[in-house]
């Protein structure tokens, strides 16, 4: 390869590695998709081996990136590493607080709940303080005893809520016809989507008036 091709191969390798790491895939997994050895794929990432166009197309599908990623120069936005232990501990404290709130609203003492659950009052207090994680089945029984559903303890605003919202969006997009997905994905069509959103929030009578006005203009 000439000097220009060497530089391009190394840049392509960086972008391939970036896409792989972004999706949390291993060299071995990507190599298996392309039916090549792990050594060859590692060489592709280092710029010492150039993949074919079909290889890159398969990688784009597998790693869920547009083909344009491999022709560019920008790495993907890496999500800030989450401290899952911190998330767990925070949720533990929130659930404990909600448990205490539900108990007090029902007028139950620690002893009352402990007896129903066949646990010690100290254990219930440890749950409420967030010091001890509550086994899911215990939480179900506590919710039933206190007259609430398990959803009462759910994460409605934190990381899980955002994750669930994103998953819902992905599912809806997957169900759309390809032409509609492509329309939504085009930045130039954002104004149409914003207009559709405003129309969806309008009163029915206002929408009817707009429709009648459009008919008057047309005819």
Protein backbone atom coordinates (compact mmCIF):
# COMPACT_ATOMS: atom_id res chain seq x y z
CA UNK A 1 0.00 0.00 0.00
CA UNK A 2 1.16 3.53 -0.69
CA UNK A 3 1.42 6.07 2.11
CA UNK A 4 -2.09 7.44 1.57
CA UNK A 5 -3.64 3.95 1.64
CA UNK A 6 -1.69 3.08 4.79
CA UNK A 7 -3.08 6.17 6.53
CA UNK A 8 -6.62 5.40 5.35
CA UNK A 9 -6.29 1.75 6.49
CA UNK A 10 -5.22 2.84 9.96
CA UNK A 11 -8.09 5.34 10.19
CA UNK A 12 -10.55 2.69 9.03
CA UNK A 13 -9.13 0.33 11.66
CA UNK A 14 -9.69 2.92 14.38
CA UNK A 15 -13.32 3.36 13.29
CA UNK A 16 -13.89 -0.41 13.17
CA UNK A 17 -12.47 -0.79 16.68
CA UNK A 18 -14.53 2.16 17.87
CA UNK A 19 -17.77 0.61 16.56
CA UNK A 20 -16.90 -2.76 18.09
CA UNK A 21 -16.16 -1.30 21.52
CA UNK A 22 -19.23 0.93 21.37
CA UNK A 23 -21.40 -2.19 21.02
CA UNK A 24 -19.40 -4.14 23.61
CA UNK A 25 -18.35 -6.86 21.16
CA UNK A 26 -15.10 -8.81 21.25
CA UNK A 27 -12.59 -9.29 18.45
CA UNK A 28 -13.50 -12.99 18.42
CA UNK A 29 -17.23 -12.29 18.00
CA UNK A 30 -16.67 -9.90 15.08
CA UNK A 31 -14.20 -12.28 13.44
CA UNK A 32 -16.78 -15.08 13.66
CA UNK A 33 -19.37 -12.90 11.91
CA UNK A 34 -16.95 -12.32 9.02
CA UNK A 35 -15.71 -15.94 9.06
CA UNK A 36 -12.09 -14.83 9.45
CA UNK A 37 -9.56 -15.47 12.20
CA UNK A 38 -9.29 -13.29 15.29
CA UNK A 39 -5.75 -12.43 14.17
CA UNK A 40 -7.03 -11.12 10.83
CA UNK A 41 -9.69 -9.00 12.51
CA UNK A 42 -7.12 -7.60 14.94
CA UNK A 43 -4.98 -6.73 11.92
CA UNK A 44 -7.97 -4.94 10.36
CA UNK A 45 -8.28 -2.85 13.52
CA UNK A 46 -4.58 -2.02 13.46
CA UNK A 47 -4.71 -1.09 9.77
CA UNK A 48 -2.55 -4.00 8.61
CA UNK A 49 -5.44 -5.74 6.82
CA UNK A 50 -8.19 -4.04 4.80
CA UNK A 51 -11.64 -5.62 4.91
CA UNK A 52 -13.79 -5.95 1.80
CA UNK A 53 -16.92 -3.89 1.22
CA UNK A 54 -19.24 -6.86 2.00
CA UNK A 55 -17.26 -7.39 5.23
CA UNK A 56 -17.80 -3.76 6.21
CA UNK A 57 -21.49 -3.97 5.30
CA UNK A 58 -21.91 -7.05 7.51
CA UNK A 59 -20.07 -5.28 10.34
CA UNK A 60 -22.31 -2.23 10.00
CA UNK A 61 -25.37 -4.45 10.43
CA UNK A 62 -23.85 -6.46 13.29
CA UNK A 63 -22.53 -3.43 15.18
CA UNK A 64 -25.62 -1.33 14.43
CA UNK A 65 -23.80 1.61 12.88
CA UNK A 66 -24.42 3.33 9.52
CA UNK A 67 -21.95 2.54 6.75
CA UNK A 68 -21.04 6.23 6.74
CA UNK A 69 -19.32 5.65 10.09
CA UNK A 70 -16.53 3.78 8.30
CA UNK A 71 -16.04 6.58 5.76
CA UNK A 72 -15.84 9.36 8.34
CA UNK A 73 -13.27 10.48 10.84
CA UNK A 74 -15.34 10.91 14.00
CA UNK A 75 -15.54 8.24 16.67
CA UNK A 76 -18.89 7.37 18.18
CA UNK A 77 -20.05 9.17 21.28
CA UNK A 78 -19.04 6.88 24.09
CA UNK A 79 -21.60 6.65 26.86
CA UNK A 80 -20.19 7.65 30.20
CA UNK A 81 -19.47 4.52 32.19
CA UNK A 82 -22.17 4.00 34.73
CA UNK A 83 -21.51 3.12 38.32
CA UNK A 84 -24.07 0.33 38.64
CA UNK A 85 -23.34 -0.16 42.32
CA UNK A 86 -24.19 3.48 42.94
CA UNK A 87 -27.44 3.06 41.00
CA UNK A 88 -28.34 -0.03 43.03
CA UNK A 89 -27.61 1.62 46.37
CA UNK A 90 -29.60 4.74 45.44
CA UNK A 91 -32.59 2.67 44.35
CA UNK A 92 -32.30 0.60 47.51
CA UNK A 93 -32.62 3.76 49.62
CA UNK A 94 -35.53 5.06 47.55
CA UNK A 95 -37.42 1.77 47.83
CA UNK A 96 -36.80 1.75 51.59
CA UNK A 97 -38.20 5.27 51.91
CA UNK A 98 -41.27 4.34 49.83
CA UNK A 99 -41.77 1.24 51.97
CA UNK A 100 -41.69 3.29 55.17
CA UNK A 101 -44.07 5.84 53.67
CA UNK A 102 -46.56 3.14 52.66
CA UNK A 103 -46.35 1.54 56.10
CA UNK A 104 -46.95 4.82 57.93
CA UNK A 105 -49.84 5.75 55.65
CA UNK A 106 -51.50 2.45 56.57
CA UNK A 107 -50.83 3.07 60.24
CA UNK A 108 -48.82 -0.13 60.70
CA UNK A 109 -45.95 -0.44 63.16
CA UNK A 110 -42.68 -2.18 62.39
CA UNK A 111 -43.86 -5.00 64.62
CA UNK A 112 -47.13 -5.39 62.67
CA UNK A 113 -45.36 -5.71 59.33
CA UNK A 114 -42.64 -7.94 60.76
CA UNK A 115 -45.23 -10.36 62.11
CA UNK A 116 -47.03 -10.54 58.76
CA UNK A 117 -43.76 -11.15 56.96
CA UNK A 118 -42.42 -13.59 59.56
CA UNK A 119 -39.35 -11.38 59.96
CA UNK A 120 -37.90 -9.38 62.83
CA UNK A 121 -38.74 -5.65 63.25
CA UNK A 122 -34.99 -5.04 62.95
CA UNK A 123 -35.03 -6.62 59.47
CA UNK A 124 -37.96 -4.47 58.33
CA UNK A 125 -36.20 -1.37 59.65
CA UNK A 126 -33.03 -2.34 57.77
CA UNK A 127 -35.14 -2.57 54.59
CA UNK A 128 -36.65 0.85 55.22
CA UNK A 129 -33.28 2.45 55.96
CA UNK A 130 -31.91 1.07 52.70
CA UNK A 131 -29.18 -0.79 54.56
CA UNK A 132 -30.32 -4.20 53.35
CA UNK A 133 -31.53 -5.08 49.83
CA UNK A 134 -35.08 -6.40 49.78
CA UNK A 135 -35.49 -9.72 47.97
CA UNK A 136 -37.99 -9.25 45.16
CA UNK A 137 -40.48 -11.78 46.54
CA UNK A 138 -40.35 -10.08 49.95
CA UNK A 139 -41.09 -6.76 48.25
CA UNK A 140 -44.07 -8.29 46.45
CA UNK A 141 -45.48 -9.56 49.75
CA UNK A 142 -44.83 -6.23 51.46
CA UNK A 143 -46.59 -4.38 48.64
CA UNK A 144 -49.61 -6.68 48.89
CA UNK A 145 -49.75 -6.36 52.68
CA UNK A 146 -49.57 -2.54 52.47
CA UNK A 147 -52.23 -2.35 49.77
CA UNK A 148 -50.06 -1.18 46.87
CA UNK A 149 -48.68 -2.74 43.71
CA UNK A 150 -45.06 -3.52 42.92
CA UNK A 151 -45.17 -0.60 40.46
CA UNK A 152 -45.33 1.74 43.46
CA UNK A 153 -41.66 0.93 44.06
CA UNK A 154 -40.68 1.18 40.38
CA UNK A 155 -38.17 3.60 38.92
CA UNK A 156 -40.30 6.27 37.22
CA UNK A 157 -37.66 8.95 36.64
CA UNK A 158 -34.20 7.41 36.98
CA UNK A 159 -31.91 5.41 34.65
CA UNK A 160 -34.38 2.52 34.25
CA UNK A 161 -37.18 4.90 33.25
CA UNK A 162 -34.97 6.42 30.57
CA UNK A 163 -33.86 2.94 29.44
CA UNK A 164 -37.50 1.77 29.18
CA UNK A 165 -38.43 4.89 27.18
CA UNK A 166 -35.56 4.28 24.75
CA UNK A 167 -36.56 0.63 24.34
CA UNK A 168 -40.15 1.68 23.61
CA UNK A 169 -38.92 4.08 20.92
CA UNK A 170 -36.77 1.34 19.34
CA UNK A 171 -39.72 -1.09 19.31
CA UNK A 172 -41.99 1.51 17.70
CA UNK A 173 -39.38 2.31 15.07
CA UNK A 174 -38.91 -1.38 14.29
CA UNK A 175 -42.65 -1.67 13.60
CA UNK A 176 -42.69 1.30 11.20
CA UNK A 177 -42.43 0.75 7.44
CA UNK A 178 -38.89 1.37 6.19
CA UNK A 179 -39.94 4.46 4.21
CA UNK A 180 -41.41 6.06 7.32
CA UNK A 181 -38.30 5.25 9.38
CA UNK A 182 -36.12 6.87 6.74
CA UNK A 183 -38.38 9.94 6.77
CA UNK A 184 -38.10 10.26 10.56
CA UNK A 185 -34.32 9.80 10.43
CA UNK A 186 -33.79 12.69 8.00
CA UNK A 187 -32.91 15.89 9.94
CA UNK A 188 -34.51 17.99 7.19
CA UNK A 189 -37.91 16.48 8.09
CA UNK A 190 -37.79 17.60 11.73
CA UNK A 191 -40.06 20.59 11.06
CA UNK A 192 -42.76 18.24 9.69
CA UNK A 193 -42.51 16.07 12.80
CA UNK A 194 -42.75 19.11 15.07
CA UNK A 195 -45.84 20.27 13.15
CA UNK A 196 -47.39 16.82 13.53
CA UNK A 197 -46.70 16.94 17.27
CA UNK A 198 -48.36 20.35 17.61
CA UNK A 199 -51.37 19.16 15.61
CA UNK A 200 -51.70 16.08 17.83
CA UNK A 201 -51.92 18.35 20.88
CA UNK A 202 -54.58 20.64 19.37
CA UNK A 203 -58.22 20.69 20.33
CA UNK A 204 -60.42 18.74 17.89
CA UNK A 205 -62.46 21.86 17.05
CA UNK A 206 -59.33 23.80 16.11
CA UNK A 207 -58.17 20.93 13.93
CA UNK A 208 -61.55 20.88 12.20
CA UNK A 209 -61.35 24.61 11.60
CA UNK A 210 -57.88 24.24 10.05
CA UNK A 211 -59.16 21.42 7.83
CA UNK A 212 -62.13 23.53 6.67
CA UNK A 213 -59.81 26.46 5.94
CA UNK A 214 -57.57 24.20 3.83
CA UNK A 215 -60.62 22.98 1.89
CA UNK A 216 -61.68 26.55 1.22
CA UNK A 217 -58.20 27.34 -0.14
CA UNK A 218 -58.16 24.17 -2.27
CA UNK A 219 -61.57 24.69 -3.79
